[in-house]
Protein backbone atom coordinates (compact mmCIF):
# COMPACT_ATOMS: atom_id res chain seq x y z
CA MET A 1 0.00 0.00 0.00
CA GLU A 2 1.41 3.39 -1.02
CA GLN A 3 0.10 5.08 2.15
CA GLU A 4 0.38 3.43 5.49
CA ILE A 5 -3.06 2.98 7.03
CA ASN A 6 -3.62 1.65 10.53
CA LEU A 7 -6.39 -0.88 10.03
CA ASP A 8 -6.88 -1.31 13.78
CA GLU A 9 -8.27 2.22 13.98
CA ILE A 10 -10.86 1.68 11.24
CA VAL A 11 -14.26 0.52 12.49
CA ASP A 12 -16.30 1.37 9.39
CA MET A 13 -17.17 -1.73 7.40
CA ASN A 14 -17.95 0.27 4.26
CA LEU A 15 -14.56 1.97 4.32
CA LEU A 16 -12.78 -1.37 4.69
CA GLN A 17 -14.81 -2.79 1.81
CA ASN A 18 -13.77 0.17 -0.41
CA LEU A 19 -10.12 -0.35 0.52
CA LEU A 20 -10.44 -4.02 -0.33
CA ASP A 21 -11.85 -3.21 -3.76
CA GLN A 22 -9.09 -0.68 -4.51
CA THR A 23 -6.17 -2.79 -3.27
CA GLU A 24 -4.51 -5.35 -5.53
CA ASP A 25 -1.71 -6.44 -3.18
CA ILE A 26 -2.38 -9.90 -1.77
CA ASP A 27 -0.92 -9.22 1.69
CA ASP A 28 -2.85 -5.98 2.05
CA ARG A 29 -6.07 -7.68 0.96
CA LYS A 30 -5.49 -10.42 3.56
CA ALA A 31 -4.97 -7.80 6.26
CA ILE A 32 -8.14 -5.95 5.25
CA ARG A 33 -10.19 -9.18 5.19
CA SER A 34 -8.84 -10.10 8.60
CA ARG A 35 -9.91 -6.70 9.95
CA ILE A 36 -13.38 -7.10 8.38
CA GLN A 37 -13.79 -10.54 9.98
CA GLU A 38 -12.64 -9.14 13.31
CA LEU A 39 -15.22 -6.34 13.16
CA ARG A 40 -17.94 -8.83 12.16
CA ALA A 41 -17.02 -11.00 15.13
CA ILE A 42 -17.25 -7.98 17.44
CA GLU A 43 -20.68 -7.03 16.01
CA ARG A 44 -21.87 -10.64 16.35
CA ALA A 45 -20.75 -10.72 19.97
CA LYS A 46 -22.60 -7.47 20.68
CA ARG A 47 -25.79 -8.83 19.09
CA ASP A 48 -25.55 -12.06 21.07
CA GLU A 49 -24.99 -10.12 24.28
CA LYS A 50 -27.97 -7.85 23.57
CA LEU A 51 -30.19 -10.84 22.73
CA ALA A 52 -29.10 -12.62 25.90
CA ARG A 53 -29.80 -9.48 27.92
CA LEU A 54 -33.30 -9.18 26.39
CA THR A 55 -33.97 -12.85 27.02
CA ASN A 56 -32.85 -12.57 30.62
CA THR A 57 -34.96 -9.45 31.07
CA ARG A 58 -38.04 -11.23 29.68
CA GLU A 59 -37.40 -14.22 31.91
CA ASP A 60 -36.94 -11.95 34.91
CA MET A 61 -40.26 -10.25 34.12
CA LEU A 62 -42.02 -13.60 33.82
CA GLN A 63 -40.51 -14.80 37.07
CA GLU A 64 -41.52 -11.55 38.77
CA ARG A 65 -45.10 -11.94 37.52
CA GLN A 66 -45.21 -15.53 38.72
CA ARG A 67 -43.86 -14.48 42.10
CA ARG A 68 -46.49 -11.72 42.43
CA ALA A 69 -49.29 -14.08 41.34
CA ALA A 70 -48.18 -16.68 43.88
CA GLU A 71 -47.98 -14.03 46.61
CA HIS A 72 -51.43 -12.68 45.64
CA LYS A 73 -52.88 -16.18 45.76
CA GLU A 74 -51.26 -16.94 49.10
CA ARG A 75 -52.51 -13.71 50.71
CA THR A 76 -56.00 -14.17 49.29
CA LEU A 77 -56.26 -17.71 50.62
CA ALA A 78 -54.92 -16.59 53.99
CA MET A 79 -57.48 -13.76 54.13
CA TYR A 80 -60.42 -16.07 53.36
CA ASP A 81 -59.09 -18.70 55.76
CA GLN A 82 -58.89 -16.13 58.53
CA MET A 83 -62.42 -14.93 57.68
CA ALA A 84 -63.73 -18.51 57.88
CA ARG A 85 -62.19 -18.89 61.34
CA SER A 86 -63.41 -15.50 62.60
CA ALA A 87 -66.82 -16.90 63.61
CA PRO A 88 -68.47 -20.31 64.08
CA ALA A 89 -70.54 -21.94 61.37
CA GLY A 90 -73.62 -19.87 60.58
CA GLY A 91 -72.23 -16.81 62.37
CA LYS A 92 -71.32 -13.44 60.96
CA LYS A 93 -67.90 -13.58 59.30
CA LYS A 94 -65.49 -10.66 59.23
CA MET A 95 -62.91 -10.12 56.50
CA ASP A 96 -59.53 -8.63 57.43
CA ILE A 97 -58.30 -6.59 54.46
CA GLY A 98 -55.05 -5.81 56.27
CA LEU A 99 -54.00 -9.45 55.96
CA TYR A 100 -54.18 -9.19 52.18
CA ALA A 101 -52.54 -5.75 51.97
CA THR A 102 -49.62 -6.26 54.36
CA GLY A 103 -49.61 -10.00 54.94
CA GLN A 104 -50.12 -9.48 58.69
CA VAL A 105 -53.23 -9.99 60.80
CA THR A 106 -54.75 -6.78 62.16
CA PRO A 107 -54.49 -6.70 65.98
CA PRO A 108 -57.85 -7.00 67.79
CA SER A 109 -57.33 -3.64 69.52
CA THR A 110 -56.79 -1.84 66.23
CA PRO A 111 -60.01 -1.57 64.15
CA SER A 112 -59.72 -2.48 60.54
CA GLU A 113 -59.58 0.45 58.14
CA THR A 114 -62.24 -1.09 55.88
CA GLU A 115 -65.37 -2.27 57.68
CA SER A 116 -66.80 -5.39 56.15
CA TYR A 117 -70.47 -5.76 55.26
CA THR A 118 -72.35 -8.77 54.07
CA ALA A 119 -74.83 -8.72 51.22
CA GLU A 120 -77.70 -9.20 53.66
CA ASP A 121 -76.60 -6.16 55.68
CA CYS A 122 -76.54 -4.02 52.54
CA LEU A 123 -80.04 -5.16 51.55
CA GLN A 124 -81.42 -4.47 55.01
CA GLN A 125 -79.83 -1.01 55.01
CA CYS A 126 -81.36 -0.24 51.60
CA LEU A 127 -84.79 -1.39 52.81
CA ARG A 128 -84.55 0.76 55.94
CA SER A 129 -83.51 3.80 53.91
CA ALA A 130 -86.36 3.29 51.42
CA GLU A 131 -88.91 2.87 54.23
CA GLU A 132 -87.68 6.01 55.98
CA ARG A 133 -87.82 8.00 52.74
CA LYS A 134 -91.36 6.73 52.11
CA LYS A 135 -92.48 7.82 55.59
CA LYS A 136 -91.00 11.29 55.09
CA ILE A 137 -92.86 11.71 51.80
CA LEU A 138 -96.15 10.54 53.32
CA ALA A 139 -95.66 12.82 56.32
CA ALA A 140 -95.03 15.79 54.02
CA TYR A 141 -98.18 15.08 52.00
CA GLU A 142 -100.26 14.59 55.14
CA ALA A 143 -99.03 17.89 56.57
CA ALA A 144 -99.90 19.61 53.29
CA ALA A 145 -103.38 18.05 53.30
CA ARG A 146 -104.05 19.40 56.81
CA SER A 147 -102.72 22.87 56.04
CA GLY A 148 -106.01 24.12 54.62
CA PRO A 149 -109.64 23.30 53.94
CA ALA A 150 -110.71 20.73 51.38
CA GLY A 151 -110.88 21.85 47.78
CA VAL A 152 -108.06 24.39 48.10
CA VAL A 153 -104.84 23.89 46.15
CA LYS A 154 -102.05 23.10 48.62
CA GLY A 155 -98.29 23.01 48.14
CA VAL A 156 -96.09 20.25 49.54
CA ASP A 157 -92.92 21.37 51.35
CA PHE A 158 -90.42 18.53 51.80
CA ALA A 159 -87.67 20.65 53.41
CA PRO A 160 -88.91 20.34 57.04
CA PHE A 161 -89.00 16.54 56.74
CA VAL A 162 -85.50 15.98 55.33
CA ASN A 163 -83.87 15.63 58.76
CA ALA A 164 -87.05 14.86 60.70
CA ASP A 165 -87.35 11.71 62.81
CA VAL A 166 -90.19 9.66 61.31
CA SER A 167 -89.41 6.35 63.01
CA GLY A 168 -92.71 6.43 64.92
CA TYR A 169 -94.82 7.87 62.11
CA LYS A 170 -97.80 5.83 60.91
CA PRO A 171 -99.85 7.11 57.97
CA THR A 172 -103.53 7.63 58.74
CA LYS A 173 -105.83 5.30 56.84
CA ALA A 174 -109.01 6.83 55.48
CA GLU A 175 -112.23 4.96 56.18
CA SER A 176 -113.57 5.48 52.66
CA ASN A 177 -111.60 6.33 49.59
CA ALA A 178 -112.01 6.20 45.85
CA THR A 179 -109.25 3.63 45.51
CA PHE A 180 -110.00 0.16 46.80
CA SER A 181 -106.49 -0.38 48.16
CA MET A 182 -106.82 2.61 50.51
CA SER A 183 -110.39 1.84 51.58
CA GLY A 184 -109.64 -1.72 52.65
CA GLY A 185 -110.89 -3.57 49.57
CA VAL A 186 -114.00 -3.61 47.43
CA PRO A 187 -116.87 -1.95 49.34
CA LYS A 188 -120.01 -3.98 50.03
CA VAL A 189 -123.12 -2.33 48.65
CA SER A 190 -126.42 -3.15 50.38
CA LYS A 191 -129.77 -1.95 49.01
CA GLY A 192 -132.79 -1.56 51.24
CA SER A 193 -136.44 -1.46 50.20
CA GLN A 194 -137.57 1.97 49.10
CA PRO A 195 -141.09 3.35 49.78
CA GLY A 196 -143.51 2.25 47.11
CA THR A 197 -141.43 -0.74 46.08
CA PRO A 198 -143.26 -4.12 46.22
CA ILE A 199 -141.92 -6.36 48.97
CA SER A 200 -140.91 -9.90 48.06
CA PRO A 201 -143.04 -12.82 49.35
CA GLY A 202 -140.33 -13.79 51.83
CA PHE A 203 -141.10 -10.82 54.05
CA PRO A 204 -144.26 -10.42 56.19
CA GLY A 205 -147.06 -8.80 54.29
CA GLY A 206 -145.44 -9.44 50.97
CA LEU A 207 -147.40 -10.02 47.78
CA ASN A 208 -146.89 -12.91 45.39
CA PHE A 209 -146.24 -11.36 41.98
CA PRO A 210 -145.96 -13.65 38.94
CA LYS A 211 -142.39 -14.03 37.82
CA ALA A 212 -141.71 -12.48 34.46
CA ALA A 213 -140.51 -14.93 31.86
CA ALA A 214 -136.87 -14.42 31.05
CA ARG A 215 -136.39 -13.57 27.41
CA GLU A 216 -133.21 -14.55 25.72
CA ASP A 217 -131.24 -12.61 23.20
CA PRO A 218 -132.72 -12.94 19.65
CA ALA A 219 -129.31 -13.93 18.29
CA GLN A 220 -129.06 -16.73 20.84
CA GLU A 221 -132.56 -17.94 19.93
CA ILE A 222 -131.63 -18.09 16.22
CA ILE A 223 -128.44 -20.03 16.98
CA LYS A 224 -130.30 -22.55 19.13
CA GLN A 225 -132.99 -22.95 16.44
CA ARG A 226 -130.34 -23.72 13.80
CA GLN A 227 -128.68 -26.20 16.13
CA ARG A 228 -131.97 -28.03 16.64
CA GLU A 229 -132.60 -28.14 12.86
CA ALA A 230 -129.09 -29.46 12.19
CA GLU A 231 -129.55 -32.14 14.83
CA GLU A 232 -132.86 -33.24 13.28
CA ASP A 233 -131.30 -33.40 9.77
CA LYS A 234 -128.47 -35.48 11.14
CA LYS A 235 -130.81 -37.98 12.79
CA ARG A 236 -132.97 -38.18 9.64
CA LEU A 237 -129.93 -38.91 7.42
CA LEU A 238 -128.64 -41.59 9.77
CA ARG A 239 -132.03 -43.33 9.78
CA ALA A 240 -132.19 -43.14 5.97
CA TYR A 241 -128.68 -44.61 5.51
CA ASP A 242 -129.55 -47.38 7.92
CA TYR A 243 -132.73 -48.13 6.00
CA VAL A 244 -130.88 -48.23 2.63
CA SER A 245 -128.14 -50.47 4.00
CA ARG A 246 -130.73 -53.09 4.95
CA GLN A 247 -132.24 -53.36 1.46
CA GLY A 248 -130.02 -56.33 0.61
CA ALA A 249 -126.77 -57.01 -1.20
CA GLY A 250 -125.73 -55.25 -4.38
CA PRO A 251 -125.13 -51.70 -5.50
CA LYS A 252 -127.38 -49.03 -4.08
CA GLN A 253 -128.21 -45.56 -5.29
CA VAL A 254 -128.56 -42.86 -2.69
CA VAL A 255 -130.34 -39.60 -3.43
CA LEU A 256 -129.65 -36.98 -0.79
CA GLU A 257 -132.84 -35.02 -1.44
CA GLU A 258 -134.93 -38.14 -0.85
CA LEU A 259 -132.92 -38.99 2.26
CA LYS A 260 -133.52 -35.51 3.65
CA ARG A 261 -137.27 -36.03 3.26
CA PHE A 262 -137.08 -39.56 4.67
CA ASP A 263 -139.05 -39.95 7.87
CA GLY A 264 -138.83 -43.66 8.53
CA LYS A 265 -139.02 -44.67 12.16
């Protein structure tokens, strides 16, 4: 090579490839190829190291997730086991959240930060709240109804009953009301005899009036008449077919008009 070049200082693969293409000396070409192979080996080692580092990082992440999942499972089981032992069978269980959060049982003297409630307690609380709200509304309407005479438009003010104690309030039940549910059911209507009305024979001094004949609906009478006629035609045809069938063996000719007029008994 006309100009001395230190190949150990060159790290550019493209530059080494250009030098290799421009050099015709065999020894120089061998030196350049050796430097190219050395750089390729260094790059390969770096890639392998990076891949190994990524693989180890992924494995470490998987192991960390497995460790956290196992710890979560262990704490959850310990929490439910402690809850099962907190009361006898059929009793009210108490869940200690501190056992799951810190892995340590909360001392009896220290109340748990999160108070546990069962589903039944929540339902009972909702029912009590709804019943109390209902009583407050009824009390407000009852107070508005008593604030003035009947027939006057009254306004309902709910503000005084928001914080009022209505635990002992019982809504007044009207003796008679337009709605059956408020009046205790369907009212019983009783009719007495009016002056000038004939008294039935069952009472003393009653008169025996002839009972008026009940008259049916004309449409019903027509339907029954047609049913009777159809039944008579059916019986007449059956008697006629029976009469023809007894005339002996051989072919027989049946005329429906004659059978309809047949009156054999």
